[in-house]
Amino acid sequence: MPMIRLTAPAGALTEQGRQSIQRDLAAVLLRWEGAPDTAFFRGQAWSYLVDLPDGAQITAGDDAPRFLVEVNVPQGALSERRKAGLVEEATKSVLAAAGLGPNDALRVWVLVHEQPDGTWGAGGSVIRYADLVALAKGQPTDA
């Protein structure tokens, strides 16, 4: 049930970045989650891009664009090392999509939300983390 959402001010991404960021972030999430590279798991990694209207995001100090990446994963899917890698790589992906460099990294916040086991459902059924692990072990990779 990995889901990743980028909220960004309208116009803050380059045209190329806007075209690629959702798939890029979904791939980053799957890689750090350790999911197999299969059509099934790629199809379950939902990625959203939310554009904020002009003037909807500022800070007390300036109006330079800020970016919020929210990640939802099953509780236990990411170790501390994997969370750190996910945050670092998602930040780099957003900066690249916006045409910004490492000095702008504090403009990107990444929030990792861990969904407690038994509180996510799909296809009309509750899906547990153990179900996903078992499914992943039985999936041949097609990468």
Protein backbone atom coordinates (compact mmCIF):
# COMPACT_ATOMS: atom_id res chain seq x y z
CA MET A 1 0.00 0.00 0.00
CA PRO A 2 2.79 2.44 -0.58
CA MET A 3 1.50 5.86 -1.48
CA ILE A 4 3.49 9.01 -2.07
CA ARG A 5 2.16 12.53 -2.54
CA LEU A 6 4.08 15.64 -3.53
CA THR A 7 2.48 18.99 -2.77
CA ALA A 8 4.12 21.85 -4.65
CA PRO A 9 3.26 25.42 -5.61
CA ALA A 10 1.98 25.67 -9.18
CA GLY A 11 4.82 26.41 -11.57
CA ALA A 12 7.56 25.39 -9.12
CA LEU A 13 8.55 22.29 -11.11
CA THR A 14 10.29 22.38 -14.47
CA GLU A 15 8.28 21.02 -17.40
CA GLN A 16 10.47 17.91 -17.54
CA GLY A 17 10.30 17.56 -13.77
CA ARG A 18 6.53 17.80 -13.80
CA GLN A 19 6.34 15.04 -16.40
CA SER A 20 8.58 12.61 -14.49
CA ILE A 21 8.33 13.33 -10.76
CA GLN A 22 5.40 11.07 -9.94
CA ARG A 23 6.95 7.94 -11.47
CA ASP A 24 10.35 8.90 -10.07
CA LEU A 25 8.98 9.21 -6.53
CA ALA A 26 6.99 5.96 -6.82
CA ALA A 27 10.14 4.14 -7.94
CA VAL A 28 12.13 5.65 -5.04
CA LEU A 29 9.47 4.50 -2.59
CA LEU A 30 9.34 0.94 -3.93
CA ARG A 31 13.14 0.67 -3.97
CA TRP A 32 13.50 1.73 -0.32
CA GLU A 33 10.54 -0.35 0.74
CA GLY A 34 12.29 -3.37 -0.78
CA ALA A 35 9.30 -4.38 -2.91
CA PRO A 36 9.95 -6.62 -5.90
CA ASP A 37 10.17 -4.87 -9.25
CA THR A 38 7.02 -6.38 -10.73
CA ALA A 39 4.06 -4.95 -12.62
CA PHE A 40 1.82 -5.83 -9.67
CA PHE A 41 3.82 -3.88 -7.08
CA ARG A 42 4.47 -0.96 -9.45
CA GLY A 43 0.70 -0.81 -9.98
CA GLN A 44 0.12 -0.57 -6.22
CA ALA A 45 2.57 2.30 -5.66
CA TRP A 46 0.20 5.24 -6.02
CA SER A 47 1.75 8.64 -6.63
CA TYR A 48 -0.05 11.98 -6.43
CA LEU A 49 0.97 15.47 -7.43
CA VAL A 50 -0.96 18.28 -5.74
CA ASP A 51 -0.53 21.76 -7.22
CA LEU A 52 -1.11 24.64 -4.85
CA PRO A 53 -2.60 27.79 -6.36
CA ASP A 54 -0.52 30.97 -6.49
CA GLY A 55 -0.04 32.46 -3.04
CA ALA A 56 -1.19 29.34 -1.17
CA GLN A 57 2.25 28.59 0.29
CA ILE A 58 4.64 31.04 1.92
CA THR A 59 6.79 31.18 5.03
CA ALA A 60 7.10 33.96 7.57
CA GLY A 61 10.35 34.93 5.84
CA ASP A 62 9.79 34.62 2.10
CA ASP A 63 7.63 33.20 -0.66
CA ALA A 64 10.18 30.85 -2.27
CA PRO A 65 8.54 27.52 -3.14
CA ARG A 66 8.53 24.75 -0.55
CA PHE A 67 7.73 21.11 -1.25
CA LEU A 68 6.00 18.55 0.94
CA VAL A 69 6.43 14.83 0.25
CA GLU A 70 4.09 12.58 2.24
CA VAL A 71 4.68 8.85 2.23
CA ASN A 72 2.27 6.20 3.55
CA VAL A 73 3.64 2.70 4.15
CA PRO A 74 2.64 -0.26 6.29
CA GLN A 75 4.05 -0.09 9.80
CA GLY A 76 7.28 -2.07 9.87
CA ALA A 77 7.97 -1.79 6.14
CA LEU A 78 10.83 0.69 6.58
CA SER A 79 13.79 0.31 8.92
CA GLU A 80 15.48 3.49 10.15
CA ARG A 81 18.14 3.02 7.45
CA ARG A 82 15.48 2.64 4.74
CA LYS A 83 13.58 5.72 5.99
CA ALA A 84 16.77 7.76 5.86
CA GLY A 85 17.52 6.57 2.33
CA LEU A 86 13.96 7.28 1.22
CA VAL A 87 14.04 10.81 2.67
CA GLU A 88 17.41 11.55 1.06
CA GLU A 89 16.51 10.20 -2.38
CA ALA A 90 13.01 11.74 -2.44
CA THR A 91 14.54 15.11 -1.55
CA LYS A 92 17.06 14.84 -4.39
CA SER A 93 14.31 13.85 -6.83
CA VAL A 94 12.15 16.84 -5.91
CA LEU A 95 15.09 19.25 -6.09
CA ALA A 96 15.98 17.94 -9.55
CA ALA A 97 12.36 18.21 -10.72
CA ALA A 98 12.29 21.84 -9.56
CA GLY A 99 15.67 22.70 -11.10
CA LEU A 100 17.13 23.37 -7.65
CA GLY A 101 20.40 22.26 -6.07
CA PRO A 102 21.54 20.75 -2.77
CA ASN A 103 21.66 24.17 -1.11
CA ASP A 104 17.85 24.26 -1.37
CA ALA A 105 17.34 20.91 0.40
CA LEU A 106 15.66 22.51 3.43
CA ARG A 107 12.82 23.55 1.10
CA VAL A 108 11.80 19.88 0.86
CA TRP A 109 10.12 18.16 3.78
CA VAL A 110 9.44 14.44 3.74
CA LEU A 111 6.89 13.02 6.19
CA VAL A 112 6.75 9.23 6.55
CA HIS A 113 3.39 8.00 7.85
CA GLU A 114 3.34 4.39 9.00
CA GLN A 115 -0.10 2.82 8.70
CA PRO A 116 -0.83 0.51 11.68
CA ASP A 117 -1.38 -3.12 10.72
CA GLY A 118 -5.00 -3.93 10.03
CA THR A 119 -6.02 -0.35 9.22
CA TRP A 120 -5.65 -0.47 5.44
CA GLY A 121 -7.93 -2.21 3.03
CA ALA A 122 -8.00 -2.77 -0.71
CA GLY A 123 -10.33 -4.66 -2.97
CA GLY A 124 -12.90 -4.87 -0.18
CA SER A 125 -10.58 -6.64 2.30
CA VAL A 126 -8.25 -5.67 5.11
CA ILE A 127 -4.65 -6.16 3.96
CA ARG A 128 -1.99 -6.88 6.56
CA TYR A 129 1.74 -6.31 6.23
CA ALA A 130 2.38 -10.08 6.51
CA ASP A 131 0.10 -10.59 3.49
CA LEU A 132 2.20 -8.18 1.46
CA VAL A 133 5.46 -9.81 2.54
CA ALA A 134 4.15 -13.23 1.55
CA LEU A 135 2.96 -11.89 -1.77
CA ALA A 136 6.33 -10.22 -2.44
CA LYS A 137 8.20 -13.46 -1.74
CA GLY A 138 6.10 -15.25 -4.35
CA GLN A 139 6.53 -12.60 -7.06
CA PRO A 140 9.18 -13.18 -9.72
CA THR A 141 10.80 -9.92 -10.75
CA ASP A 142 10.22 -8.70 -14.28
CA ALA A 143 12.73 -5.88 -14.26
